[in-house]
């Protein structure tokens, strides 16, 4: 279990950290979402919770959105209109919103199964908070296309700051879940 939560934690950490040299991103989000994909596969194999399976499917959609972002933004191969760029951003935010919601649901069920009621309630509360705040941000973002360039920049900056805070909270919760389990190497030795 530690390995699954560790991969998801590392994946979202890579997504959160953006180190750019010019237009080149040293840590593309594709790598982060691939780690999330691996971690969710590991957790689904160990727990058989459909929340993790559906979240894994959503991580594939985030990998695709990230690849499209790399091709269009960083490499500049495809020039698209403003509407298409906003559509890609909104689909990416919606997919990530659902991805994190299903991860939180899986974590809540997992902690309930382990009789970790404090963490179960914490993750359940965080699930509601994340869904409401990020859902409202997504709604505001969808209307920012109709705003003037000057006004939409301020709103997008605020939305990005809120998103960063919510991602940090997710990392803290994933770290709490990760700490419940010992590394698998120790578990295997004890089984022998």
N, C-alpha and C. Protein backbone atom coordinates (compact mmCIF):
# COMPACT_ATOMS: atom_id res chain seq x y z
N UNK A 1 0.82 -1.19 0.00
CA UNK A 1 0.00 0.00 0.00
C UNK A 1 0.87 1.26 0.00
N UNK A 2 1.95 1.22 0.72
CA UNK A 2 2.84 2.37 0.80
C UNK A 2 3.30 2.78 -0.60
N UNK A 3 3.60 1.79 -1.42
CA UNK A 3 4.10 2.05 -2.77
C UNK A 3 3.06 2.79 -3.61
N UNK A 4 1.81 2.38 -3.52
CA UNK A 4 0.75 3.04 -4.28
C UNK A 4 0.57 4.49 -3.89
N UNK A 5 0.48 4.74 -2.58
CA UNK A 5 0.32 6.12 -2.12
C UNK A 5 1.57 6.95 -2.40
N UNK A 6 2.73 6.30 -2.36
CA UNK A 6 3.99 7.01 -2.64
C UNK A 6 4.03 7.46 -4.11
N UNK A 7 3.61 6.58 -5.03
CA UNK A 7 3.58 6.95 -6.44
C UNK A 7 2.60 8.11 -6.69
N UNK A 8 1.42 8.02 -6.08
CA UNK A 8 0.43 9.08 -6.28
C UNK A 8 0.95 10.39 -5.70
N UNK A 9 1.56 10.33 -4.52
CA UNK A 9 2.14 11.53 -3.90
C UNK A 9 3.21 12.12 -4.81
N UNK A 10 4.12 11.29 -5.28
CA UNK A 10 5.19 11.77 -6.17
C UNK A 10 4.65 12.33 -7.47
N UNK A 11 3.61 11.70 -8.00
CA UNK A 11 3.02 12.18 -9.24
C UNK A 11 2.41 13.56 -9.10
N UNK A 12 1.62 13.75 -8.04
CA UNK A 12 1.02 15.07 -7.84
C UNK A 12 2.06 16.12 -7.46
N UNK A 13 3.13 15.70 -6.83
CA UNK A 13 4.22 16.64 -6.53
C UNK A 13 4.86 17.12 -7.83
N UNK A 14 5.08 16.20 -8.78
CA UNK A 14 5.64 16.59 -10.08
C UNK A 14 4.69 17.51 -10.84
N UNK A 15 3.38 17.26 -10.73
CA UNK A 15 2.40 18.11 -11.40
C UNK A 15 2.41 19.51 -10.79
N UNK A 16 2.58 19.58 -9.48
CA UNK A 16 2.57 20.87 -8.79
C UNK A 16 3.81 21.71 -9.10
N UNK A 17 4.95 21.04 -9.24
CA UNK A 17 6.22 21.75 -9.46
C UNK A 17 6.40 21.98 -10.96
N UNK A 18 6.55 23.22 -11.33
CA UNK A 18 6.83 23.58 -12.71
C UNK A 18 8.17 24.29 -12.77
N UNK A 19 9.14 23.63 -13.41
CA UNK A 19 10.45 24.24 -13.61
C UNK A 19 10.62 24.39 -15.12
N UNK A 20 10.60 25.63 -15.57
CA UNK A 20 10.67 25.92 -17.00
C UNK A 20 11.96 26.63 -17.35
N UNK A 21 12.53 26.21 -18.46
CA UNK A 21 13.67 26.92 -19.05
C UNK A 21 13.18 27.35 -20.43
N UNK A 22 12.83 28.62 -20.52
CA UNK A 22 12.21 29.10 -21.75
C UNK A 22 10.85 28.46 -21.89
N UNK A 23 10.64 27.76 -22.98
CA UNK A 23 9.38 27.05 -23.20
C UNK A 23 9.48 25.58 -22.82
N UNK A 24 10.64 25.15 -22.37
CA UNK A 24 10.87 23.74 -22.05
C UNK A 24 10.59 23.49 -20.57
N UNK A 25 9.71 22.55 -20.30
CA UNK A 25 9.35 22.18 -18.92
C UNK A 25 10.20 20.97 -18.52
N UNK A 26 11.05 21.15 -17.50
CA UNK A 26 11.93 20.07 -17.07
C UNK A 26 11.16 18.91 -16.44
N UNK A 27 10.04 19.20 -15.81
CA UNK A 27 9.21 18.17 -15.19
C UNK A 27 7.81 18.21 -15.79
N UNK A 28 7.62 17.66 -16.99
CA UNK A 28 6.31 17.73 -17.62
C UNK A 28 5.26 16.97 -16.79
N UNK A 29 4.04 17.49 -16.82
CA UNK A 29 2.94 16.87 -16.07
C UNK A 29 2.66 15.44 -16.50
N UNK A 30 3.06 15.10 -17.73
CA UNK A 30 2.84 13.74 -18.21
C UNK A 30 3.50 12.73 -17.28
N UNK A 31 4.71 13.01 -16.83
CA UNK A 31 5.41 12.10 -15.92
C UNK A 31 4.67 11.98 -14.59
N UNK A 32 4.17 13.10 -14.09
CA UNK A 32 3.44 13.09 -12.83
C UNK A 32 2.17 12.26 -12.92
N UNK A 33 1.41 12.47 -13.99
CA UNK A 33 0.17 11.70 -14.13
C UNK A 33 0.45 10.22 -14.42
N UNK A 34 1.59 9.93 -15.03
CA UNK A 34 1.95 8.53 -15.22
C UNK A 34 2.24 7.87 -13.86
N UNK A 35 2.91 8.59 -12.97
CA UNK A 35 3.13 8.05 -11.62
C UNK A 35 1.82 7.86 -10.88
N UNK A 36 0.88 8.79 -11.04
CA UNK A 36 -0.44 8.65 -10.43
C UNK A 36 -1.12 7.40 -10.99
N UNK A 37 -1.01 7.20 -12.30
CA UNK A 37 -1.57 6.01 -12.97
C UNK A 37 -0.99 4.73 -12.36
N UNK A 38 0.32 4.70 -12.18
CA UNK A 38 0.96 3.52 -11.59
C UNK A 38 0.50 3.28 -10.15
N UNK A 39 0.45 4.34 -9.36
CA UNK A 39 0.03 4.23 -7.97
C UNK A 39 -1.40 3.75 -7.84
N UNK A 40 -2.28 4.27 -8.68
CA UNK A 40 -3.69 3.85 -8.64
C UNK A 40 -3.84 2.40 -9.06
N UNK A 41 -3.04 1.97 -10.03
CA UNK A 41 -3.07 0.56 -10.43
C UNK A 41 -2.64 -0.34 -9.30
N UNK A 42 -1.63 0.08 -8.57
CA UNK A 42 -1.15 -0.70 -7.44
C UNK A 42 -2.21 -0.77 -6.34
N UNK A 43 -2.83 0.38 -6.02
CA UNK A 43 -3.86 0.39 -4.98
C UNK A 43 -5.09 -0.41 -5.38
N UNK A 44 -5.47 -0.32 -6.66
CA UNK A 44 -6.62 -1.09 -7.12
C UNK A 44 -6.33 -2.59 -7.04
N UNK A 45 -5.11 -3.00 -7.39
CA UNK A 45 -4.75 -4.42 -7.32
C UNK A 45 -4.79 -4.93 -5.88
N UNK A 46 -4.41 -4.07 -4.93
CA UNK A 46 -4.37 -4.49 -3.52
C UNK A 46 -5.73 -4.41 -2.83
N UNK A 47 -6.57 -3.42 -3.21
CA UNK A 47 -7.82 -3.21 -2.48
C UNK A 47 -9.06 -3.62 -3.25
N UNK A 48 -9.00 -3.60 -4.56
CA UNK A 48 -10.13 -3.91 -5.44
C UNK A 48 -11.27 -2.90 -5.29
N UNK A 49 -10.95 -1.64 -4.94
CA UNK A 49 -11.95 -0.58 -4.84
C UNK A 49 -12.13 0.03 -6.22
N UNK A 50 -13.38 0.09 -6.69
CA UNK A 50 -13.62 0.61 -8.02
C UNK A 50 -13.30 2.10 -8.11
N UNK A 51 -13.26 2.79 -6.97
CA UNK A 51 -12.89 4.21 -6.99
C UNK A 51 -11.48 4.39 -7.57
N UNK A 52 -10.57 3.51 -7.15
CA UNK A 52 -9.20 3.59 -7.66
C UNK A 52 -9.14 3.21 -9.14
N UNK A 53 -9.97 2.28 -9.55
CA UNK A 53 -9.98 1.87 -10.95
C UNK A 53 -10.48 3.01 -11.84
N UNK A 54 -11.57 3.67 -11.42
CA UNK A 54 -12.09 4.78 -12.21
C UNK A 54 -11.12 5.95 -12.20
N UNK A 55 -10.49 6.19 -11.06
CA UNK A 55 -9.49 7.26 -10.98
C UNK A 55 -8.32 6.95 -11.92
N UNK A 56 -8.00 5.69 -12.05
CA UNK A 56 -6.91 5.30 -12.96
C UNK A 56 -7.27 5.65 -14.41
N UNK A 57 -8.52 5.40 -14.77
CA UNK A 57 -9.00 5.78 -16.10
C UNK A 57 -8.88 7.29 -16.30
N UNK A 58 -9.26 8.06 -15.28
CA UNK A 58 -9.17 9.52 -15.36
C UNK A 58 -7.71 9.99 -15.44
N UNK A 59 -6.80 9.25 -14.82
CA UNK A 59 -5.39 9.64 -14.92
C UNK A 59 -4.89 9.47 -16.36
N UNK A 60 -5.45 8.51 -17.09
CA UNK A 60 -5.10 8.35 -18.51
C UNK A 60 -5.57 9.58 -19.29
N UNK A 61 -6.77 10.07 -18.97
CA UNK A 61 -7.25 11.27 -19.67
C UNK A 61 -6.36 12.46 -19.35
N UNK A 62 -5.85 12.54 -18.11
CA UNK A 62 -4.94 13.63 -17.75
C UNK A 62 -3.60 13.49 -18.46
N UNK A 63 -3.16 12.27 -18.68
CA UNK A 63 -1.94 12.06 -19.46
C UNK A 63 -2.14 12.59 -20.88
N UNK A 64 -3.30 12.30 -21.47
CA UNK A 64 -3.59 12.78 -22.82
C UNK A 64 -3.66 14.30 -22.88
N UNK A 65 -4.32 14.92 -21.91
CA UNK A 65 -4.40 16.38 -21.86
C UNK A 65 -3.01 16.97 -21.69
N UNK A 66 -2.17 16.34 -20.87
CA UNK A 66 -0.81 16.83 -20.64
C UNK A 66 0.04 16.72 -21.91
N UNK A 67 -0.15 15.64 -22.65
CA UNK A 67 0.59 15.49 -23.91
C UNK A 67 0.16 16.58 -24.89
N UNK A 68 -1.15 16.84 -24.95
CA UNK A 68 -1.65 17.90 -25.82
C UNK A 68 -1.08 19.25 -25.39
N UNK A 69 -0.98 19.46 -24.10
CA UNK A 69 -0.41 20.70 -23.58
C UNK A 69 1.06 20.84 -23.97
N UNK A 70 1.81 19.74 -23.90
CA UNK A 70 3.22 19.77 -24.29
C UNK A 70 3.35 20.09 -25.77
N UNK A 71 2.55 19.43 -26.59
CA UNK A 71 2.64 19.61 -28.04
C UNK A 71 2.25 21.02 -28.45
N UNK A 72 1.17 21.54 -27.86
CA UNK A 72 0.69 22.86 -28.27
C UNK A 72 1.47 24.00 -27.62
N UNK A 73 1.74 23.89 -26.35
CA UNK A 73 2.36 25.00 -25.63
C UNK A 73 3.86 25.04 -25.74
N UNK A 74 4.49 23.97 -25.35
CA UNK A 74 5.94 23.98 -25.24
C UNK A 74 6.60 23.90 -26.61
N UNK A 75 6.11 23.02 -27.44
CA UNK A 75 6.77 22.82 -28.72
C UNK A 75 6.25 23.76 -29.81
N UNK A 76 5.02 24.26 -29.61
CA UNK A 76 4.46 25.20 -30.57
C UNK A 76 4.17 24.57 -31.92
N UNK A 77 3.96 23.27 -31.97
CA UNK A 77 3.70 22.61 -33.24
C UNK A 77 2.33 22.96 -33.81
N UNK A 78 1.38 23.14 -32.93
CA UNK A 78 0.01 23.38 -33.38
C UNK A 78 -0.43 24.73 -32.85
N UNK A 79 -0.92 25.56 -33.73
CA UNK A 79 -1.47 26.85 -33.32
C UNK A 79 -2.99 26.70 -33.26
N UNK A 80 -3.55 26.96 -32.08
CA UNK A 80 -4.99 26.82 -31.92
C UNK A 80 -5.59 28.13 -31.48
N UNK A 81 -6.89 28.26 -31.69
CA UNK A 81 -7.59 29.46 -31.29
C UNK A 81 -7.78 29.51 -29.78
N UNK A 82 -8.18 30.68 -29.32
CA UNK A 82 -8.39 30.89 -27.89
C UNK A 82 -9.45 29.96 -27.35
N UNK A 83 -10.54 29.79 -28.10
CA UNK A 83 -11.63 28.93 -27.63
C UNK A 83 -11.15 27.50 -27.41
N UNK A 84 -10.37 26.97 -28.34
CA UNK A 84 -9.87 25.59 -28.20
C UNK A 84 -8.92 25.48 -27.02
N UNK A 85 -8.07 26.48 -26.82
CA UNK A 85 -7.17 26.47 -25.66
C UNK A 85 -7.94 26.43 -24.36
N UNK A 86 -8.98 27.28 -24.25
CA UNK A 86 -9.81 27.28 -23.05
C UNK A 86 -10.53 25.94 -22.88
N UNK A 87 -10.99 25.37 -23.99
CA UNK A 87 -11.69 24.08 -23.91
C UNK A 87 -10.76 23.00 -23.37
N UNK A 88 -9.53 22.99 -23.83
CA UNK A 88 -8.55 22.01 -23.34
C UNK A 88 -8.27 22.23 -21.85
N UNK A 89 -8.14 23.49 -21.45
CA UNK A 89 -7.89 23.79 -20.04
C UNK A 89 -9.07 23.35 -19.18
N UNK A 90 -10.28 23.62 -19.63
CA UNK A 90 -11.47 23.26 -18.85
C UNK A 90 -11.63 21.76 -18.78
N UNK A 91 -11.40 21.05 -19.87
CA UNK A 91 -11.48 19.58 -19.85
C UNK A 91 -10.40 19.02 -18.92
N UNK A 92 -9.22 19.61 -18.95
CA UNK A 92 -8.16 19.17 -18.04
C UNK A 92 -8.52 19.39 -16.58
N UNK A 93 -9.06 20.58 -16.25
CA UNK A 93 -9.45 20.86 -14.86
C UNK A 93 -10.58 19.95 -14.42
N UNK A 94 -11.55 19.70 -15.32
CA UNK A 94 -12.67 18.82 -14.96
C UNK A 94 -12.18 17.40 -14.74
N UNK A 95 -11.30 16.92 -15.61
CA UNK A 95 -10.75 15.57 -15.43
C UNK A 95 -9.95 15.47 -14.15
N UNK A 96 -9.16 16.51 -13.86
CA UNK A 96 -8.37 16.47 -12.63
C UNK A 96 -9.26 16.57 -11.39
N UNK A 97 -10.31 17.36 -11.48
CA UNK A 97 -11.27 17.46 -10.37
C UNK A 97 -11.86 16.09 -10.07
N UNK A 98 -12.33 15.41 -11.11
CA UNK A 98 -12.90 14.07 -10.92
C UNK A 98 -11.85 13.07 -10.45
N UNK A 99 -10.64 13.17 -10.98
CA UNK A 99 -9.55 12.29 -10.57
C UNK A 99 -9.30 12.39 -9.08
N UNK A 100 -9.16 13.61 -8.58
CA UNK A 100 -8.88 13.80 -7.16
C UNK A 100 -10.07 13.40 -6.31
N UNK A 101 -11.29 13.68 -6.77
CA UNK A 101 -12.48 13.28 -6.02
C UNK A 101 -12.52 11.76 -5.86
N UNK A 102 -12.24 11.03 -6.92
CA UNK A 102 -12.26 9.56 -6.82
C UNK A 102 -11.10 9.03 -5.99
N UNK A 103 -9.97 9.70 -6.03
CA UNK A 103 -8.87 9.30 -5.16
C UNK A 103 -9.27 9.49 -3.70
N UNK A 104 -9.85 10.65 -3.38
CA UNK A 104 -10.31 10.89 -2.01
C UNK A 104 -11.38 9.88 -1.59
N UNK A 105 -12.29 9.53 -2.49
CA UNK A 105 -13.31 8.54 -2.15
C UNK A 105 -12.67 7.18 -1.86
N UNK A 106 -11.72 6.79 -2.69
CA UNK A 106 -11.02 5.54 -2.46
C UNK A 106 -10.25 5.55 -1.15
N UNK A 107 -9.60 6.68 -0.86
CA UNK A 107 -8.86 6.78 0.39
C UNK A 107 -9.80 6.74 1.59
N UNK A 108 -10.96 7.38 1.48
CA UNK A 108 -11.93 7.37 2.57
C UNK A 108 -12.43 5.96 2.84
N UNK A 109 -12.78 5.24 1.79
CA UNK A 109 -13.24 3.85 1.95
C UNK A 109 -12.11 2.98 2.50
N UNK A 110 -10.90 3.20 2.02
CA UNK A 110 -9.75 2.42 2.48
C UNK A 110 -9.51 2.64 3.97
N UNK A 111 -9.57 3.90 4.41
CA UNK A 111 -9.35 4.19 5.84
C UNK A 111 -10.50 3.64 6.69
N UNK A 112 -11.72 3.66 6.15
CA UNK A 112 -12.85 3.07 6.87
C UNK A 112 -12.64 1.57 7.04
N UNK A 113 -12.17 0.91 5.99
CA UNK A 113 -11.91 -0.52 6.04
C UNK A 113 -10.82 -0.84 7.07
N UNK A 114 -9.84 0.04 7.18
CA UNK A 114 -8.73 -0.16 8.12
C UNK A 114 -9.08 0.30 9.54
N UNK A 115 -10.32 0.79 9.72
CA UNK A 115 -10.79 1.31 11.01
C UNK A 115 -9.98 2.52 11.48
N UNK A 116 -9.52 3.31 10.54
CA UNK A 116 -8.84 4.58 10.81
C UNK A 116 -9.89 5.68 10.68
N UNK A 117 -10.76 5.78 11.70
CA UNK A 117 -11.91 6.68 11.60
C UNK A 117 -11.51 8.15 11.50
N UNK A 118 -10.45 8.55 12.18
CA UNK A 118 -10.02 9.94 12.12
C UNK A 118 -9.63 10.33 10.70
N UNK A 119 -8.81 9.49 10.07
CA UNK A 119 -8.40 9.77 8.69
C UNK A 119 -9.57 9.65 7.73
N UNK A 120 -10.44 8.70 7.98
CA UNK A 120 -11.61 8.53 7.13
C UNK A 120 -12.47 9.78 7.13
N UNK A 121 -12.72 10.34 8.30
CA UNK A 121 -13.51 11.58 8.39
C UNK A 121 -12.74 12.76 7.78
N UNK A 122 -11.44 12.80 8.01
CA UNK A 122 -10.62 13.87 7.46
C UNK A 122 -10.66 13.85 5.93
N UNK A 123 -10.49 12.65 5.35
CA UNK A 123 -10.50 12.54 3.89
C UNK A 123 -11.88 12.81 3.32
N UNK A 124 -12.93 12.39 4.03
CA UNK A 124 -14.29 12.67 3.59
C UNK A 124 -14.58 14.16 3.58
N UNK A 125 -14.14 14.86 4.62
CA UNK A 125 -14.34 16.32 4.68
C UNK A 125 -13.53 17.01 3.60
N UNK A 126 -12.31 16.54 3.39
CA UNK A 126 -11.45 17.15 2.37
C UNK A 126 -12.02 16.90 0.98
N UNK A 127 -12.64 15.75 0.78
CA UNK A 127 -13.28 15.44 -0.50
C UNK A 127 -14.36 16.47 -0.81
N UNK A 128 -15.22 16.76 0.16
CA UNK A 128 -16.29 17.74 -0.06
C UNK A 128 -15.70 19.13 -0.31
N UNK A 129 -14.73 19.49 0.49
CA UNK A 129 -14.10 20.81 0.35
C UNK A 129 -13.46 20.95 -1.03
N UNK A 130 -12.71 19.94 -1.43
CA UNK A 130 -12.03 19.98 -2.73
C UNK A 130 -13.04 20.07 -3.86
N UNK A 131 -14.09 19.25 -3.80
CA UNK A 131 -15.08 19.24 -4.87
C UNK A 131 -15.78 20.59 -5.00
N UNK A 132 -16.16 21.18 -3.88
CA UNK A 132 -16.87 22.46 -3.93
C UNK A 132 -15.95 23.58 -4.42
N UNK A 133 -14.77 23.69 -3.83
CA UNK A 133 -13.87 24.80 -4.19
C UNK A 133 -13.39 24.68 -5.63
N UNK A 134 -12.94 23.51 -6.01
CA UNK A 134 -12.44 23.35 -7.38
C UNK A 134 -13.59 23.40 -8.40
N UNK A 135 -14.77 22.93 -8.01
CA UNK A 135 -15.93 23.04 -8.89
C UNK A 135 -16.29 24.49 -9.15
N UNK A 136 -16.28 25.31 -8.09
CA UNK A 136 -16.55 26.74 -8.26
C UNK A 136 -15.47 27.40 -9.11
N UNK A 137 -14.22 27.02 -8.90
CA UNK A 137 -13.13 27.57 -9.71
C UNK A 137 -13.32 27.20 -11.19
N UNK A 138 -13.74 25.98 -11.43
CA UNK A 138 -13.98 25.53 -12.81
C UNK A 138 -15.12 26.33 -13.44
N UNK A 139 -16.15 26.58 -12.66
CA UNK A 139 -17.28 27.36 -13.15
C UNK A 139 -16.85 28.78 -13.50
N UNK A 140 -16.09 29.40 -12.62
CA UNK A 140 -15.60 30.76 -12.88
C UNK A 140 -14.68 30.76 -14.10
N UNK A 141 -13.84 29.74 -14.21
CA UNK A 141 -12.91 29.67 -15.34
C UNK A 141 -13.67 29.56 -16.66
N UNK A 142 -14.76 28.82 -16.66
CA UNK A 142 -15.51 28.66 -17.91
C UNK A 142 -16.10 29.98 -18.38
N UNK A 143 -16.38 30.90 -17.44
CA UNK A 143 -16.91 32.20 -17.82
C UNK A 143 -15.82 33.21 -18.12
N UNK A 144 -14.58 32.91 -17.81
CA UNK A 144 -13.50 33.87 -18.02
C UNK A 144 -13.22 34.09 -19.51
N UNK A 145 -13.70 33.21 -20.36
CA UNK A 145 -13.53 33.39 -21.80
C UNK A 145 -14.26 34.64 -22.28
N UNK A 146 -15.37 34.95 -21.62
CA UNK A 146 -16.17 36.11 -22.01
C UNK A 146 -15.69 37.42 -21.38
N UNK A 147 -14.70 37.36 -20.50
CA UNK A 147 -14.19 38.56 -19.84
C UNK A 147 -13.15 39.23 -20.71
N UNK A 148 -12.89 40.48 -20.40
CA UNK A 148 -11.82 41.18 -21.11
C UNK A 148 -10.47 40.58 -20.71
N UNK A 149 -9.48 40.80 -21.53
CA UNK A 149 -8.16 40.23 -21.26
C UNK A 149 -7.61 40.69 -19.92
N UNK A 150 -7.81 41.97 -19.57
CA UNK A 150 -7.27 42.50 -18.32
C UNK A 150 -7.97 41.85 -17.12
N UNK A 151 -9.28 41.73 -17.17
CA UNK A 151 -10.04 41.18 -16.05
C UNK A 151 -9.85 39.70 -15.88
N UNK A 152 -9.74 38.97 -16.99
CA UNK A 152 -9.61 37.51 -16.88
C UNK A 152 -8.25 37.11 -16.31
N UNK A 153 -7.23 37.92 -16.52
CA UNK A 153 -5.90 37.61 -15.98
C UNK A 153 -5.89 37.57 -14.47
N UNK A 154 -6.58 38.50 -13.85
CA UNK A 154 -6.65 38.54 -12.38
C UNK A 154 -7.39 37.31 -11.86
N UNK A 155 -8.51 37.00 -12.50
CA UNK A 155 -9.28 35.83 -12.07
C UNK A 155 -8.49 34.54 -12.24
N UNK A 156 -7.80 34.41 -13.36
CA UNK A 156 -7.02 33.19 -13.60
C UNK A 156 -5.88 33.07 -12.59
N UNK A 157 -5.27 34.18 -12.21
CA UNK A 157 -4.22 34.15 -11.19
C UNK A 157 -4.77 33.68 -9.85
N UNK A 158 -5.93 34.19 -9.47
CA UNK A 158 -6.56 33.78 -8.21
C UNK A 158 -6.94 32.30 -8.26
N UNK A 159 -7.47 31.86 -9.39
CA UNK A 159 -7.84 30.44 -9.53
C UNK A 159 -6.62 29.54 -9.44
N UNK A 160 -5.51 29.97 -10.02
CA UNK A 160 -4.30 29.16 -9.95
C UNK A 160 -3.78 29.09 -8.52
N UNK A 161 -3.86 30.20 -7.78
CA UNK A 161 -3.42 30.20 -6.38
C UNK A 161 -4.28 29.26 -5.55
N UNK A 162 -5.59 29.28 -5.77
CA UNK A 162 -6.49 28.37 -5.05
C UNK A 162 -6.17 26.93 -5.41
N UNK A 163 -5.92 26.67 -6.68
CA UNK A 163 -5.59 25.31 -7.12
C UNK A 163 -4.31 24.81 -6.48
N UNK A 164 -3.31 25.67 -6.36
CA UNK A 164 -2.04 25.29 -5.72
C UNK A 164 -2.28 24.93 -4.26
N UNK A 165 -3.08 25.74 -3.57
CA UNK A 165 -3.38 25.45 -2.16
C UNK A 165 -4.10 24.11 -2.03
N UNK A 166 -5.06 23.83 -2.91
CA UNK A 166 -5.79 22.56 -2.84
C UNK A 166 -4.88 21.38 -3.15
N UNK A 167 -3.91 21.58 -4.05
CA UNK A 167 -2.96 20.50 -4.35
C UNK A 167 -2.02 20.25 -3.16
N UNK A 168 -1.63 21.29 -2.49
CA UNK A 168 -0.79 21.11 -1.30
C UNK A 168 -1.55 20.34 -0.23
N UNK A 169 -2.83 20.66 -0.06
CA UNK A 169 -3.66 19.92 0.91
C UNK A 169 -3.77 18.44 0.50
N UNK A 170 -3.90 18.18 -0.80
CA UNK A 170 -3.94 16.80 -1.28
C UNK A 170 -2.64 16.08 -0.95
N UNK A 171 -1.51 16.74 -1.17
CA UNK A 171 -0.22 16.12 -0.86
C UNK A 171 -0.10 15.81 0.63
N UNK A 172 -0.57 16.70 1.48
CA UNK A 172 -0.53 16.46 2.92
C UNK A 172 -1.37 15.24 3.28
N UNK A 173 -2.55 15.12 2.67
CA UNK A 173 -3.41 13.96 2.96
C UNK A 173 -2.84 12.66 2.40
N UNK A 174 -2.24 12.72 1.22
CA UNK A 174 -1.61 11.52 0.67
C UNK A 174 -0.43 11.09 1.54
N UNK A 175 0.29 12.05 2.07
CA UNK A 175 1.41 11.73 2.96
C UNK A 175 0.90 11.06 4.23
N UNK A 176 -0.23 11.52 4.76
CA UNK A 176 -0.82 10.90 5.96
C UNK A 176 -1.23 9.46 5.67
N UNK A 177 -1.79 9.21 4.50
CA UNK A 177 -2.18 7.84 4.14
C UNK A 177 -0.95 6.96 3.93
N UNK A 178 0.07 7.54 3.31
CA UNK A 178 1.31 6.80 3.04
C UNK A 178 1.99 6.36 4.32
N UNK A 179 1.94 7.20 5.36
CA UNK A 179 2.63 6.90 6.61
C UNK A 179 1.99 5.74 7.38
N UNK A 180 0.77 5.37 7.04
CA UNK A 180 0.11 4.26 7.74
C UNK A 180 0.75 2.92 7.41
N UNK A 181 1.40 2.85 6.28
CA UNK A 181 1.93 1.58 5.81
C UNK A 181 3.44 1.58 5.80
N UNK A 182 3.98 0.44 6.14
CA UNK A 182 5.43 0.28 6.04
C UNK A 182 5.78 -0.04 4.60
N UNK A 183 7.01 0.23 4.20
CA UNK A 183 7.41 -0.16 2.85
C UNK A 183 7.21 -1.66 2.61
N UNK A 184 6.87 -2.01 1.38
CA UNK A 184 6.56 -3.41 1.05
C UNK A 184 7.71 -4.36 1.29
N UNK A 185 8.94 -3.88 1.20
CA UNK A 185 10.08 -4.77 1.41
C UNK A 185 10.04 -5.35 2.84
N UNK A 186 9.68 -4.52 3.80
CA UNK A 186 9.58 -5.00 5.18
C UNK A 186 8.43 -5.99 5.31
N UNK A 187 7.31 -5.74 4.66
CA UNK A 187 6.16 -6.63 4.73
C UNK A 187 6.50 -7.99 4.14
N UNK A 188 7.25 -8.02 3.04
CA UNK A 188 7.60 -9.28 2.39
C UNK A 188 8.52 -10.10 3.28
N UNK A 189 9.49 -9.46 3.90
CA UNK A 189 10.41 -10.16 4.80
C UNK A 189 9.65 -10.78 5.97
N UNK A 190 8.70 -10.05 6.52
CA UNK A 190 7.95 -10.57 7.66
C UNK A 190 7.05 -11.72 7.27
N UNK A 191 6.56 -11.75 6.01
CA UNK A 191 5.71 -12.86 5.56
C UNK A 191 6.51 -14.15 5.43
N UNK A 192 7.79 -14.05 5.12
CA UNK A 192 8.63 -15.24 4.96
C UNK A 192 8.86 -15.82 6.32
